[in-house]
Amino acid sequence: MLSFEASFNREELEAKYGRVWDNLQAHGEFLFQKNDPSNDISRVIKEEKDGIRRGFASVQRKIDGATGRIEMQANPRFFFNFELF
């Protein structure tokens, strides 16, 4: 289980970052890179941002193969701020 705190609801994240995915939606749209240690839930890359600790994962967008990283928060679990590499 992720041990970092997050407190934004979906509407707040959408207002700040645009598109937001829940866990099911994110896994439907992205392939989470297996060789990336951030996909091991116990080793998610953590960073302070906006006073909240969040994690990042390397992903590949299924529709076009574009790779990038996606930001996530633990509770509630949302993915957002997809950035191309």
Protein backbone atom coordinates (compact mmCIF):
# COMPACT_ATOMS: atom_id res chain seq x y z
CA MET A 1 0.00 0.00 0.00
CA LEU A 2 1.23 3.47 -0.80
CA SER A 3 2.21 5.35 2.29
CA PHE A 4 2.13 8.91 0.99
CA GLU A 5 -0.72 11.30 1.60
CA ALA A 6 -2.85 12.93 -1.05
CA SER A 7 -5.96 14.95 -0.56
CA PHE A 8 -7.25 16.31 -3.87
CA ASN A 9 -10.59 15.11 -5.20
CA ARG A 10 -11.14 14.44 -8.90
CA GLU A 11 -12.72 17.83 -9.60
CA GLU A 12 -9.77 19.69 -8.05
CA LEU A 13 -7.28 17.64 -10.07
CA GLU A 14 -9.26 18.20 -13.29
CA ALA A 15 -9.33 21.95 -12.66
CA LYS A 16 -5.55 22.02 -12.19
CA TYR A 17 -4.29 19.33 -14.63
CA GLY A 18 -7.10 18.59 -17.08
CA ARG A 19 -7.65 14.90 -17.78
CA VAL A 20 -7.79 12.59 -14.74
CA TRP A 21 -8.01 8.79 -14.75
CA ASP A 22 -9.11 6.43 -12.01
CA ASN A 23 -7.18 3.16 -11.64
CA LEU A 24 -9.30 1.22 -14.14
CA GLN A 25 -9.28 4.02 -16.72
CA ALA A 26 -5.50 4.51 -16.45
CA HIS A 27 -4.79 0.81 -16.97
CA GLY A 28 -7.18 0.79 -19.92
CA GLU A 29 -5.40 3.67 -21.66
CA PHE A 30 -1.76 3.10 -20.63
CA LEU A 31 0.70 0.25 -20.33
CA PHE A 32 2.68 0.65 -17.15
CA GLN A 33 6.34 -0.05 -17.94
CA LYS A 34 7.39 -3.35 -16.36
CA ASN A 35 11.07 -2.47 -16.28
CA ASP A 36 10.39 0.72 -14.35
CA PRO A 37 10.90 0.35 -10.60
CA SER A 38 8.12 2.89 -10.02
CA ASN A 39 5.60 0.22 -11.04
CA ASP A 40 6.49 -1.77 -7.95
CA ILE A 41 3.95 -0.22 -5.61
CA SER A 42 6.44 -0.41 -2.74
CA ARG A 43 9.02 1.60 -4.74
CA VAL A 44 6.94 4.34 -6.36
CA ILE A 45 8.96 7.47 -7.06
CA LYS A 46 7.78 10.08 -4.61
CA GLU A 47 8.02 13.82 -4.84
CA GLU A 48 6.68 16.77 -2.90
CA LYS A 49 4.45 18.97 -5.02
CA ASP A 50 1.82 21.47 -3.88
CA GLY A 51 2.50 20.32 -0.32
CA ILE A 52 1.35 16.79 -1.18
CA ARG A 53 3.52 13.72 -1.68
CA ARG A 54 2.74 12.02 -4.97
CA GLY A 55 4.19 9.29 -7.10
CA PHE A 56 5.06 8.92 -10.76
CA ALA A 57 5.08 5.95 -13.12
CA SER A 58 6.51 5.50 -16.62
CA VAL A 59 3.79 4.58 -19.09
CA GLN A 60 3.16 3.93 -22.76
CA ARG A 61 -0.09 5.21 -24.25
CA LYS A 62 -1.83 2.25 -25.91
CA ILE A 63 -3.45 4.15 -28.77
CA ASP A 64 -0.22 5.49 -30.30
CA GLY A 65 2.70 3.98 -28.36
CA ALA A 66 3.81 7.36 -27.00
CA THR A 67 5.84 7.06 -23.81
CA GLY A 68 5.86 9.39 -20.87
CA ARG A 69 5.19 9.61 -17.19
CA ILE A 70 1.98 9.97 -15.31
CA GLU A 71 1.52 11.45 -11.88
CA MET A 72 -0.56 9.66 -9.28
CA GLN A 73 -1.94 10.14 -5.81
CA ALA A 74 -2.72 7.38 -3.38
CA ASN A 75 -6.01 8.23 -1.77
CA PRO A 76 -8.25 8.57 -3.59
CA ARG A 77 -6.25 6.79 -6.32
CA PHE A 78 -6.13 9.01 -9.37
CA PHE A 79 -3.66 9.37 -12.24
CA PHE A 80 -3.16 12.75 -13.93
CA ASN A 81 -0.68 15.12 -15.56
CA PHE A 82 0.52 12.74 -18.30
CA GLU A 83 3.72 14.15 -19.84
CA LEU A 84 5.45 12.83 -22.94
CA PHE A 85 9.14 11.95 -22.71
